[in-house]
Amino acid sequence: MSGDIMLETRRQIGICNACRYCEGYCSVFPSINLKRNISDADILNLANLCHNCRGCYYACQYIEPHEFALNLPKILAELRQKSWRDHVWPAAFSSIFHSGAMAAGGALIAGFALFIWQARMLRPESGEGFYAAISHAMLLALFLPAFMFALFSVAISLRRYWKSIGGGRISPGDFLFALRMAAGMRDLSGGHGQGCNYEDQDRYSNARRWFHQAAMYGFGLCFAATCAGTVLHYGFDLKAPYALTSLPKLLGISGGVLLCAGTLGLGWLKLKADRNLGAAALWGGEMAFVVLLFTVSLSGLALAAFAANGLTGFLLPLHLGAVLAFFLLVPYSKMIHGFYRFAALLHDAARSRSA
């Protein structure tokens, strides 16, 4: 970790620990108050506990022009982003998505779409639905390595992070606590259920919490749709395409709608919010990830709606290219925050239990 950012974070957290005005706002402040002397590992975990709701900033009496010049959401965001890059594997590509932002995401989608378009030249002589355009074997050859890469990379990254924060044994109760916190996005409630001030300092709102939940549950439903299709294909020898009332279609369409709405809402709020209260230099990379997820969901819905109208040849490469780009960028994009934050909640639950 860079000494400067860690020292500045420690300074600000020390003032917060003395003040304690924001103690009930989110998980960060009770965790700060557990210890008088906070280690670098503690600070790293605090950064990943923070959801950047910004309620503490707007409530703080020590922000500029006060001489203390506190901006806890910003410094924690910068440390959080740095922790992802420091622990990612393979590290050689860690700056690509953030430095290239929209251009990198767009180039990946276009490149993979072109590649898949060319791969369709090897399409089977017969097949229904998508398999008339690209074979199942080709899909498996493209996406299984990409998925396994993302899974393996995230696992190594999390293992490194867990070691750096001194993570230990987790009880079932710790896991259930972290799961409830993550599923309900409780730290976006502002500590009082009225929401936070993310997009407007003078107004409490649950909009970010709702959009975040829509995106999270939408992604989960889409992944469940893929799993359901895999089980039907290999377990019951029921091949795609599936009927509109089938489990893969019901899960996929409902998940796509939620993911589309969630990412659109998060992007809208991000445009309204003050960039100086987050990692401003990485704003473009974060927005690019939101756009990528929106492209995945919208192209998937369009494919389900218009494939029968002869648009498969255009929509399928776009959708598959976006999905493939998403998998390869998971370790280097904002997607990683969900894994890190869940690990931070687990560690915080275990530490609170043993305090």
Protein backbone atom coordinates (compact mmCIF):
# COMPACT_ATOMS: atom_id res chain seq x y z
CA MET A 1 0.00 0.00 0.00
CA SER A 2 1.13 3.51 -0.72
CA GLY A 3 2.31 5.12 2.52
CA ASP A 4 0.76 8.51 1.72
CA ILE A 5 -2.79 7.28 1.18
CA MET A 6 -2.59 4.99 4.21
CA LEU A 7 -1.30 7.80 6.43
CA GLU A 8 -4.02 10.18 5.26
CA THR A 9 -6.70 7.53 5.80
CA ARG A 10 -5.36 6.87 9.28
CA ARG A 11 -5.45 10.61 10.08
CA GLN A 12 -9.06 10.96 9.01
CA ILE A 13 -10.19 7.77 10.75
CA GLY A 14 -8.48 8.94 13.94
CA ILE A 15 -10.57 12.12 13.92
CA CYS A 16 -13.74 10.10 13.22
CA ASN A 17 -12.92 7.76 16.09
CA ALA A 18 -12.64 10.74 18.46
CA CYS A 19 -15.82 12.42 17.21
CA ARG A 20 -18.17 9.40 16.81
CA TYR A 21 -21.05 11.53 15.50
CA CYS A 22 -21.65 9.11 12.60
CA GLU A 23 -21.56 5.94 14.69
CA GLY A 24 -24.90 4.58 13.47
CA TYR A 25 -24.60 5.47 9.79
CA CYS A 26 -23.16 2.20 8.41
CA SER A 27 -20.85 -0.71 9.23
CA VAL A 28 -17.72 1.43 8.94
CA PHE A 29 -18.16 3.51 12.08
CA PRO A 30 -18.97 0.77 14.62
CA SER A 31 -15.93 -1.05 13.25
CA ILE A 32 -13.77 2.06 13.71
CA ASN A 33 -14.94 2.37 17.32
CA LEU A 34 -14.02 -1.21 18.22
CA LYS A 35 -10.35 -0.31 18.61
CA ARG A 36 -8.37 2.60 19.91
CA ASN A 37 -5.33 1.70 17.78
CA ILE A 38 -6.26 0.74 14.23
CA SER A 39 -3.81 -1.27 12.11
CA ASP A 40 -3.21 -1.00 8.36
CA ALA A 41 -5.11 -4.27 7.93
CA ASP A 42 -8.09 -2.78 9.81
CA ILE A 43 -8.03 0.32 7.61
CA LEU A 44 -7.92 -1.81 4.46
CA ASN A 45 -11.00 -3.70 5.59
CA LEU A 46 -12.78 -0.45 6.51
CA ALA A 47 -12.21 0.79 2.96
CA ASN A 48 -13.97 -2.27 1.57
CA LEU A 49 -16.80 -2.02 4.10
CA CYS A 50 -17.60 1.48 2.83
CA HIS A 51 -20.37 1.72 0.22
CA ASN A 52 -19.61 5.36 -0.62
CA CYS A 53 -23.12 6.52 0.34
CA ARG A 54 -21.60 9.88 1.44
CA GLY A 55 -23.99 10.46 4.33
CA CYS A 56 -21.07 10.85 6.73
CA TYR A 57 -19.52 13.57 4.57
CA TYR A 58 -22.64 15.73 4.45
CA ALA A 59 -23.17 15.30 8.20
CA CYS A 60 -19.53 16.07 9.10
CA GLN A 61 -18.55 19.32 10.80
CA TYR A 62 -14.89 18.84 9.90
CA ILE A 63 -15.03 18.94 6.09
CA GLU A 64 -13.45 21.86 4.23
CA PRO A 65 -13.13 24.74 4.94
CA HIS A 66 -12.38 23.31 8.40
CA GLU A 67 -8.65 22.79 8.90
CA PHE A 68 -9.17 19.04 9.41
CA ALA A 69 -10.46 18.85 5.80
CA LEU A 70 -12.11 15.45 6.19
CA ASN A 71 -13.39 13.64 3.11
CA LEU A 72 -13.73 10.06 4.31
CA PRO A 73 -15.78 8.77 1.34
CA LYS A 74 -13.11 9.95 -1.09
CA ILE A 75 -10.07 8.62 0.76
CA LEU A 76 -11.73 5.25 1.43
CA ALA A 77 -12.75 5.00 -2.25
CA GLU A 78 -9.19 5.66 -3.38
CA LEU A 79 -7.78 3.12 -0.90
CA ARG A 80 -10.46 0.60 -1.86
CA GLN A 81 -9.68 0.86 -5.56
CA LYS A 82 -5.96 0.58 -4.85
CA SER A 83 -6.52 -2.54 -2.76
CA TRP A 84 -8.25 -4.22 -5.72
CA ARG A 85 -5.38 -3.43 -8.04
CA ASP A 86 -2.76 -4.50 -5.49
CA HIS A 87 -4.34 -7.91 -4.95
CA VAL A 88 -5.57 -8.74 -8.46
CA TRP A 89 -4.21 -11.66 -10.48
CA PRO A 90 -2.69 -11.49 -13.03
CA ALA A 91 -1.52 -8.01 -12.06
CA ALA A 92 -0.01 -7.13 -15.44
CA PHE A 93 -3.40 -6.07 -16.84
CA SER A 94 -4.78 -4.31 -13.76
CA SER A 95 -4.71 -0.81 -15.25
CA ILE A 96 -6.28 -1.60 -18.63
CA PHE A 97 -9.94 -1.12 -17.76
CA HIS A 98 -9.52 1.93 -15.53
CA SER A 99 -7.09 3.76 -17.82
CA GLY A 100 -8.92 2.92 -21.05
CA ALA A 101 -12.41 3.37 -19.58
CA MET A 102 -15.11 3.54 -22.24
CA ALA A 103 -12.68 2.97 -25.11
CA ALA A 104 -11.39 -0.30 -23.61
CA GLY A 105 -14.89 -1.62 -22.96
CA GLY A 106 -16.14 -0.63 -26.40
CA ALA A 107 -13.10 -2.11 -28.13
CA LEU A 108 -13.49 -5.39 -26.29
CA ILE A 109 -17.17 -5.66 -27.17
CA ALA A 110 -16.49 -4.81 -30.82
CA GLY A 111 -13.50 -7.14 -31.03
CA PHE A 112 -15.24 -10.11 -29.50
CA ALA A 113 -18.37 -9.47 -31.54
CA LEU A 114 -16.26 -9.50 -34.73
CA PHE A 115 -14.51 -12.67 -33.60
CA ILE A 116 -17.77 -14.44 -32.88
CA TRP A 117 -19.19 -13.16 -36.16
CA GLN A 118 -16.28 -14.82 -37.97
CA ALA A 119 -16.67 -17.97 -35.86
CA ARG A 120 -20.21 -18.24 -37.18
CA MET A 121 -18.70 -19.07 -40.56
CA LEU A 122 -18.14 -22.49 -38.99
CA ARG A 123 -21.77 -22.76 -37.99
CA PRO A 124 -23.40 -26.17 -38.14
CA GLU A 125 -25.39 -27.34 -41.11
CA SER A 126 -28.46 -27.71 -38.92
CA GLY A 127 -29.71 -26.38 -35.62
CA GLU A 128 -32.49 -24.40 -33.99
CA GLY A 129 -32.50 -20.95 -32.44
CA PHE A 130 -29.03 -19.71 -31.53
CA TYR A 131 -27.53 -23.05 -32.54
CA ALA A 132 -28.48 -22.34 -36.12
CA ALA A 133 -26.00 -19.45 -35.98
CA ILE A 134 -23.26 -20.89 -33.77
CA SER A 135 -22.73 -24.42 -32.53
CA HIS A 136 -22.96 -25.47 -28.92
CA ALA A 137 -19.38 -26.73 -29.08
CA MET A 138 -18.19 -23.32 -30.26
CA LEU A 139 -20.05 -21.57 -27.43
CA LEU A 140 -18.49 -23.94 -24.91
CA ALA A 141 -15.01 -23.44 -26.36
CA LEU A 142 -15.37 -19.65 -26.11
CA PHE A 143 -17.07 -19.16 -22.77
CA LEU A 144 -15.87 -21.98 -20.52
CA PRO A 145 -12.22 -20.75 -20.51
CA ALA A 146 -13.37 -17.14 -19.98
CA PHE A 147 -15.59 -18.14 -17.05
CA MET A 148 -12.91 -20.31 -15.49
CA PHE A 149 -10.37 -17.49 -15.85
CA ALA A 150 -12.68 -15.04 -14.05
CA LEU A 151 -13.41 -17.58 -11.29
CA PHE A 152 -9.76 -18.48 -10.78
CA SER A 153 -8.60 -14.86 -10.87
CA VAL A 154 -11.20 -13.68 -8.34
CA ALA A 155 -10.38 -16.61 -6.03
CA ILE A 156 -6.67 -15.74 -6.00
CA SER A 157 -7.41 -12.04 -5.51
CA LEU A 158 -9.73 -12.73 -2.56
CA ARG A 159 -7.22 -15.10 -0.98
CA ARG A 160 -4.57 -12.38 -1.13
CA TYR A 161 -6.96 -9.83 0.33
CA TRP A 162 -8.09 -12.16 3.12
CA LYS A 163 -4.46 -12.77 4.08
CA SER A 164 -3.62 -9.05 4.04
CA ILE A 165 -6.45 -8.18 6.46
CA GLY A 166 -5.60 -11.05 8.80
CA GLY A 167 -8.79 -12.95 8.08
CA GLY A 168 -9.36 -16.08 10.16
CA ARG A 169 -11.99 -18.69 10.82
CA ILE A 170 -15.59 -17.79 9.99
CA SER A 171 -18.60 -19.19 11.82
CA PRO A 172 -21.98 -19.98 10.20
CA GLY A 173 -23.40 -17.03 12.12
CA ASP A 174 -20.81 -14.70 10.61
CA PHE A 175 -21.71 -15.92 7.14
CA LEU A 176 -25.45 -15.45 7.70
CA PHE A 177 -24.89 -11.95 9.08
CA ALA A 178 -22.80 -10.94 6.05
CA LEU A 179 -25.36 -12.48 3.71
CA ARG A 180 -28.22 -10.50 5.29
CA MET A 181 -26.23 -7.27 5.12
CA ALA A 182 -25.32 -7.79 1.48
CA ALA A 183 -28.75 -9.02 0.36
CA GLY A 184 -30.57 -6.10 1.98
CA MET A 185 -27.94 -3.45 1.17
CA ARG A 186 -28.42 -2.27 4.75
CA ASP A 187 -25.44 0.07 4.66
CA LEU A 188 -27.20 2.11 1.97
CA SER A 189 -30.08 2.87 4.32
CA GLY A 190 -28.19 5.70 6.02
CA GLY A 191 -28.61 4.07 9.42
CA HIS A 192 -32.20 5.33 9.75
CA GLY A 193 -33.98 3.65 6.83
CA GLN A 194 -34.49 6.87 4.87
CA GLY A 195 -31.55 6.24 2.55
CA CYS A 196 -28.38 8.19 1.93
CA ASN A 197 -27.31 11.45 0.31
CA TYR A 198 -25.41 9.99 -2.63
CA GLU A 199 -26.90 12.17 -5.36
CA ASP A 200 -28.04 15.19 -3.33
CA GLN A 201 -26.63 16.47 -0.03
CA ASP A 202 -29.95 17.97 1.06
CA ARG A 203 -32.13 14.96 0.32
CA TYR A 204 -32.21 11.42 1.68
CA SER A 205 -33.03 8.80 -0.91
CA ASN A 206 -33.15 5.00 -1.21
CA ALA A 207 -32.79 5.22 -4.99
CA ARG A 208 -29.20 3.97 -5.05
CA ARG A 209 -30.10 1.11 -2.73
CA TRP A 210 -33.00 0.04 -4.95
CA PHE A 211 -31.07 0.34 -8.20
CA HIS A 212 -28.15 -1.53 -6.68
CA GLN A 213 -30.45 -4.33 -5.54
CA ALA A 214 -32.10 -4.47 -8.98
CA ALA A 215 -28.70 -4.85 -10.64
CA MET A 216 -27.50 -7.44 -8.11
CA TYR A 217 -30.63 -9.60 -8.17
CA GLY A 218 -30.98 -9.17 -11.93
CA PHE A 219 -27.47 -10.47 -12.46
CA GLY A 220 -28.19 -13.35 -10.08
CA LEU A 221 -31.32 -14.32 -12.01
CA CYS A 222 -29.46 -14.19 -15.32
CA PHE A 223 -26.76 -16.45 -13.92
CA ALA A 224 -29.45 -18.78 -12.55
CA ALA A 225 -31.02 -18.90 -16.04
CA THR A 226 -27.70 -20.04 -17.49
CA CYS A 227 -27.36 -22.67 -14.77
CA ALA A 228 -30.93 -23.88 -15.39
CA GLY A 229 -30.24 -24.19 -19.13
CA THR A 230 -27.04 -26.13 -18.40
CA VAL A 231 -28.90 -28.58 -16.14
CA LEU A 232 -31.66 -29.08 -18.71
CA HIS A 233 -29.11 -29.59 -21.50
CA TYR A 234 -26.76 -32.02 -19.77
CA GLY A 235 -28.97 -33.48 -17.06
CA PHE A 236 -32.22 -34.02 -18.96
CA ASP A 237 -31.03 -33.88 -22.58
CA LEU A 238 -33.43 -30.99 -23.24
CA LYS A 239 -31.79 -28.76 -25.82
CA ALA A 240 -32.37 -25.05 -26.47
CA PRO A 241 -34.28 -23.13 -27.70
CA TYR A 242 -36.63 -23.18 -24.73
CA ALA A 243 -40.24 -22.07 -24.54
CA LEU A 244 -41.16 -18.68 -23.10
CA THR A 245 -42.63 -20.39 -20.02
CA SER A 246 -39.51 -22.50 -19.37
CA LEU A 247 -37.34 -21.86 -16.33
CA PRO A 248 -34.33 -20.52 -18.28
CA LYS A 249 -36.52 -18.02 -20.15
CA LEU A 250 -38.48 -16.90 -17.08
CA LEU A 251 -35.31 -16.40 -15.06
CA GLY A 252 -33.39 -14.82 -17.93
CA ILE A 253 -36.04 -12.31 -19.00
CA SER A 254 -36.91 -11.20 -15.46
CA GLY A 255 -33.21 -10.96 -14.61
CA GLY A 256 -32.48 -9.01 -17.79
CA VAL A 257 -35.22 -6.48 -17.02
CA LEU A 258 -33.96 -5.97 -13.46
CA LEU A 259 -30.33 -5.72 -14.57
CA CYS A 260 -31.23 -3.27 -17.33
CA ALA A 261 -33.21 -1.06 -14.94
CA GLY A 262 -30.60 -1.28 -12.19
CA THR A 263 -27.62 -0.36 -14.36
CA LEU A 264 -29.55 2.44 -16.08
CA GLY A 265 -30.50 3.88 -12.68
CA LEU A 266 -26.99 3.54 -11.25
CA GLY A 267 -25.52 5.27 -14.29
CA TRP A 268 -28.03 8.11 -13.96
CA LEU A 269 -27.23 8.59 -10.27
CA LYS A 270 -23.51 8.46 -10.98
CA LEU A 271 -23.88 11.32 -13.46
CA LYS A 272 -25.65 13.42 -10.79
CA ALA A 273 -23.30 12.68 -7.89
CA ASP A 274 -20.28 14.74 -6.84
CA ARG A 275 -17.16 13.10 -8.33
CA ASN A 276 -14.96 14.65 -5.65
CA LEU A 277 -16.49 12.32 -3.06
CA GLY A 278 -15.17 9.20 -4.76
CA ALA A 279 -12.11 8.04 -6.66
CA ALA A 280 -12.48 10.72 -9.34
CA ALA A 281 -9.62 9.43 -11.50
CA LEU A 282 -11.39 6.08 -11.88
CA TRP A 283 -14.86 7.49 -12.58
CA GLY A 284 -14.63 6.61 -16.27
CA GLY A 285 -13.71 3.00 -15.59
CA GLU A 286 -16.61 2.57 -13.19
CA MET A 287 -19.04 4.12 -15.64
CA ALA A 288 -17.68 1.89 -18.43
CA PHE A 289 -18.49 -1.15 -16.32
CA VAL A 290 -22.06 0.06 -15.79
CA VAL A 291 -22.41 0.60 -19.55
CA LEU A 292 -21.01 -2.88 -20.23
CA LEU A 293 -23.52 -4.54 -17.88
CA PHE A 294 -26.33 -2.50 -19.43
CA THR A 295 -25.20 -3.65 -22.89
CA VAL A 296 -25.20 -7.27 -21.74
CA SER A 297 -28.73 -7.03 -20.37
CA LEU A 298 -30.27 -4.96 -23.16
CA SER A 299 -28.75 -7.04 -25.96
CA GLY A 300 -29.95 -10.21 -24.22
CA LEU A 301 -33.50 -8.89 -23.95
CA ALA A 302 -33.42 -7.75 -27.56
CA LEU A 303 -32.20 -11.18 -28.64
CA ALA A 304 -35.07 -12.86 -26.79
CA ALA A 305 -37.61 -10.43 -28.30
CA PHE A 306 -36.45 -10.11 -31.91
CA ALA A 307 -34.51 -13.28 -32.73
CA ALA A 308 -37.57 -14.68 -34.49
CA ASN A 309 -37.60 -11.63 -36.80
CA GLY A 310 -34.31 -12.54 -38.45
CA LEU A 311 -32.12 -10.28 -36.30
CA THR A 312 -30.15 -13.12 -34.71
CA GLY A 313 -27.21 -12.58 -37.03
CA PHE A 314 -26.74 -9.04 -35.69
CA LEU A 315 -27.86 -9.37 -32.06
CA LEU A 316 -26.14 -12.66 -31.20
CA PRO A 317 -22.55 -11.50 -31.88
CA LEU A 318 -23.23 -8.24 -29.99
CA HIS A 319 -24.65 -10.03 -26.94
CA LEU A 320 -22.06 -12.81 -26.84
CA GLY A 321 -19.26 -10.31 -27.39
CA ALA A 322 -20.49 -8.21 -24.45
CA VAL A 323 -20.82 -11.29 -22.21
CA LEU A 324 -17.35 -12.52 -23.13
CA ALA A 325 -15.90 -9.05 -22.48
CA PHE A 326 -17.68 -8.99 -19.12
CA PHE A 327 -16.16 -12.30 -18.00
CA LEU A 328 -12.63 -11.30 -18.97
CA LEU A 329 -12.97 -7.92 -17.26
CA VAL A 330 -14.51 -9.17 -13.99
CA PRO A 331 -11.18 -9.18 -12.08
CA TYR A 332 -10.31 -5.65 -13.29
CA SER A 333 -13.67 -3.90 -13.09
CA LYS A 334 -16.08 -2.60 -10.45
CA MET A 335 -17.61 -6.10 -10.37
CA ILE A 336 -14.84 -7.15 -7.98
CA HIS A 337 -16.22 -4.84 -5.28
CA GLY A 338 -19.04 -7.27 -4.51
CA PHE A 339 -16.62 -10.06 -3.64
CA TYR A 340 -14.35 -7.81 -1.59
CA ARG A 341 -17.20 -6.23 0.30
CA PHE A 342 -18.68 -9.59 1.22
CA ALA A 343 -15.25 -10.68 2.50
CA ALA A 344 -15.01 -7.42 4.48
CA LEU A 345 -18.43 -8.05 6.03
CA LEU A 346 -17.38 -11.59 6.98
CA HIS A 347 -14.20 -10.34 8.62
CA ASP A 348 -16.05 -7.55 10.41
CA ALA A 349 -18.66 -9.98 11.73
CA ALA A 350 -15.97 -12.32 13.06
CA ARG A 351 -14.03 -9.46 14.65
CA SER A 352 -17.16 -8.01 16.28
CA ARG A 353 -18.02 -11.41 17.72
CA SER A 354 -14.58 -11.84 19.26
CA ALA A 355 -14.24 -8.22 20.52
